[in-house]
């Protein structure tokens, strides 16, 4: 029979493993399911959703593809928008088993950047509705829904990429 010292040593060595396994069973699959390129239905902008740098339990999104419209054809405008982080600090809300998976964080309007302003962060909820569909709800200052955007998973390679 192991001594209490041996049991404590085992728990100290094993706890990080068990914690990482619980995380893998909960947040990791939902995070992995959201990762990749997604296209806004409203204007065709493509964002790449990934774990935030330095924070593996949160999601961020940056613009990686722009629609082929005259106002976005200007290389200077494309340079301002390409790589711009439009979503950040999206943390999984609710239990790991809850479906659909929801992430709460912030969203920034890239048009504010084009106007020469520092984009404000607005509270947002990203809902993984189905394998290839997500909904982004943007909330106003009082927590009231002010905008809804639909996103579709990009299956084919992005051809309107930021170059």
Protein backbone atom coordinates (compact mmCIF):
# COMPACT_ATOMS: atom_id res chain seq x y z
CA UNK A 1 0.00 0.00 0.00
CA UNK A 2 1.48 3.40 -0.95
CA UNK A 3 2.32 5.84 1.80
CA UNK A 4 0.56 9.20 2.02
CA UNK A 5 3.80 10.86 0.87
CA UNK A 6 3.84 8.69 -2.25
CA UNK A 7 0.17 9.49 -2.90
CA UNK A 8 0.79 13.22 -2.53
CA UNK A 9 3.78 13.04 -4.88
CA UNK A 10 1.67 11.17 -7.43
CA UNK A 11 -1.08 13.80 -7.21
CA UNK A 12 1.44 16.65 -7.66
CA UNK A 13 2.85 14.97 -10.77
CA UNK A 14 -0.55 13.93 -12.14
CA UNK A 15 -2.64 17.04 -11.52
CA UNK A 16 -1.38 18.95 -14.59
CA UNK A 17 -2.16 15.87 -16.70
CA UNK A 18 -5.70 15.54 -15.34
CA UNK A 19 -6.37 19.27 -15.70
CA UNK A 20 -5.13 19.22 -19.29
CA UNK A 21 -7.28 16.17 -20.04
CA UNK A 22 -10.40 17.87 -18.62
CA UNK A 23 -9.61 20.95 -20.71
CA UNK A 24 -9.10 18.79 -23.79
CA UNK A 25 -12.46 17.11 -23.23
CA UNK A 26 -14.25 20.45 -22.87
CA UNK A 27 -12.88 23.62 -24.43
CA UNK A 28 -10.37 22.17 -26.87
CA UNK A 29 -12.82 20.40 -29.21
CA UNK A 30 -15.09 23.45 -29.32
CA UNK A 31 -12.10 25.70 -29.97
CA UNK A 32 -10.80 23.38 -32.68
CA UNK A 33 -14.25 23.21 -34.27
CA UNK A 34 -14.35 27.01 -34.61
CA UNK A 35 -10.77 27.34 -35.87
CA UNK A 36 -10.16 28.17 -39.51
CA UNK A 37 -11.42 30.58 -42.17
CA UNK A 38 -14.98 31.91 -41.93
CA UNK A 39 -16.74 34.28 -44.36
CA UNK A 40 -19.19 37.02 -43.38
CA UNK A 41 -22.34 36.47 -45.44
CA UNK A 42 -23.12 40.21 -45.48
CA UNK A 43 -20.02 41.45 -47.32
CA UNK A 44 -17.77 38.50 -48.14
CA UNK A 45 -14.94 39.41 -45.76
CA UNK A 46 -13.02 36.32 -44.64
CA UNK A 47 -11.60 36.04 -41.13
CA UNK A 48 -9.29 33.41 -39.71
CA UNK A 49 -10.50 32.28 -36.29
CA UNK A 50 -7.76 30.83 -34.10
CA UNK A 51 -6.68 30.59 -30.48
CA UNK A 52 -5.46 34.01 -29.35
CA UNK A 53 -1.68 34.36 -29.17
CA UNK A 54 -0.57 33.48 -25.65
CA UNK A 55 -4.06 32.42 -24.54
CA UNK A 56 -4.96 28.95 -25.78
CA UNK A 57 -8.44 29.04 -24.19
CA UNK A 58 -9.67 32.13 -26.08
CA UNK A 59 -10.47 32.79 -29.72
CA UNK A 60 -9.38 35.71 -31.90
CA UNK A 61 -10.11 36.51 -35.53
CA UNK A 62 -8.18 38.57 -38.08
CA UNK A 63 -9.11 39.58 -41.61
CA UNK A 64 -7.45 37.34 -44.21
CA UNK A 65 -9.66 37.95 -47.24
CA UNK A 66 -11.48 40.96 -48.61
CA UNK A 67 -14.31 41.23 -51.13
CA UNK A 68 -13.46 42.45 -54.62
CA UNK A 69 -15.21 45.80 -54.41
CA UNK A 70 -13.89 49.12 -55.74
CA UNK A 71 -13.42 50.64 -52.26
CA UNK A 72 -11.36 47.63 -51.17
CA UNK A 73 -9.30 47.47 -54.36
CA UNK A 74 -7.03 50.30 -53.19
CA UNK A 75 -3.76 48.73 -51.93
CA UNK A 76 -3.56 51.26 -49.08
CA UNK A 77 -7.03 50.28 -47.84
CA UNK A 78 -6.21 46.59 -48.16
CA UNK A 79 -3.03 47.20 -46.18
CA UNK A 80 -5.02 48.78 -43.34
CA UNK A 81 -7.55 45.96 -43.20
CA UNK A 82 -5.49 42.84 -43.90
CA UNK A 83 -4.49 41.25 -40.62
CA UNK A 84 -6.73 43.58 -38.60
CA UNK A 85 -8.03 41.75 -35.51
CA UNK A 86 -11.82 42.04 -35.62
CA UNK A 87 -12.59 39.66 -32.73
CA UNK A 88 -10.75 38.89 -29.55
CA UNK A 89 -10.81 37.48 -26.03
CA UNK A 90 -13.70 35.20 -26.97
CA UNK A 91 -14.02 32.80 -24.03
CA UNK A 92 -16.23 29.73 -23.98
CA UNK A 93 -19.36 30.40 -21.95
CA UNK A 94 -21.51 27.73 -20.40
CA UNK A 95 -20.67 24.10 -19.73
CA UNK A 96 -18.36 22.21 -22.08
CA UNK A 97 -21.23 19.88 -22.98
CA UNK A 98 -23.59 22.75 -23.86
CA UNK A 99 -24.54 22.95 -27.51
CA UNK A 100 -24.38 25.12 -29.44
CA UNK A 101 -21.02 26.31 -28.19
CA UNK A 102 -20.92 30.01 -27.38
CA UNK A 103 -17.95 32.34 -26.99
CA UNK A 104 -18.19 35.78 -25.36
CA UNK A 105 -15.64 38.52 -26.02
CA UNK A 106 -15.29 41.62 -28.18
CA UNK A 107 -15.59 42.67 -31.80
CA UNK A 108 -14.16 45.76 -33.53
CA UNK A 109 -15.54 47.50 -36.61
CA UNK A 110 -12.86 47.74 -39.32
CA UNK A 111 -14.67 50.74 -40.85
CA UNK A 112 -13.65 52.77 -37.79
CA UNK A 113 -10.03 52.04 -38.68
CA UNK A 114 -10.63 53.26 -42.24
CA UNK A 115 -12.06 56.48 -40.79
CA UNK A 116 -8.75 57.03 -38.97
CA UNK A 117 -10.21 56.25 -35.55
CA UNK A 118 -8.99 53.75 -33.00
CA UNK A 119 -11.64 51.01 -33.28
CA UNK A 120 -13.74 50.52 -30.17
CA UNK A 121 -14.29 47.05 -28.73
CA UNK A 122 -17.96 46.08 -28.56
CA UNK A 123 -19.26 43.14 -26.51
CA UNK A 124 -20.08 40.17 -28.72
CA UNK A 125 -21.22 36.56 -28.60
CA UNK A 126 -20.08 34.07 -31.23
CA UNK A 127 -22.34 31.00 -31.49
CA UNK A 128 -21.24 27.88 -33.36
CA UNK A 129 -24.68 27.08 -34.81
CA UNK A 130 -23.62 24.11 -36.94
CA UNK A 131 -20.46 22.60 -38.38
CA UNK A 132 -20.33 25.22 -41.14
CA UNK A 133 -22.37 28.09 -39.74
CA UNK A 134 -21.81 30.62 -36.95
CA UNK A 135 -23.65 33.68 -35.70
CA UNK A 136 -22.00 36.82 -34.30
CA UNK A 137 -24.26 38.93 -32.07
CA UNK A 138 -22.97 42.42 -31.29
CA UNK A 139 -24.31 44.05 -28.15
CA UNK A 140 -24.73 47.74 -27.41
CA UNK A 141 -23.65 49.57 -24.25
CA UNK A 142 -26.71 48.37 -22.30
CA UNK A 143 -26.27 44.74 -23.38
CA UNK A 144 -29.01 45.02 -26.01
CA UNK A 145 -28.55 43.20 -29.31
CA UNK A 146 -27.72 45.77 -32.00
CA UNK A 147 -26.37 43.65 -34.90
CA UNK A 148 -26.28 40.04 -36.01
CA UNK A 149 -23.81 38.73 -38.58
CA UNK A 150 -23.83 35.26 -40.09
CA UNK A 151 -20.60 33.48 -40.97
CA UNK A 152 -20.05 30.43 -43.16
CA UNK A 153 -17.04 28.15 -42.95
CA UNK A 154 -14.76 28.57 -45.96
CA UNK A 155 -14.32 25.15 -47.54
CA UNK A 156 -12.34 26.19 -50.62
CA UNK A 157 -9.09 28.18 -50.44
CA UNK A 158 -9.49 31.93 -50.02
CA UNK A 159 -8.83 33.57 -53.40
CA UNK A 160 -9.45 37.16 -52.28
CA UNK A 161 -6.66 36.97 -49.75
CA UNK A 162 -4.68 39.78 -48.32
CA UNK A 163 -1.45 40.15 -50.27
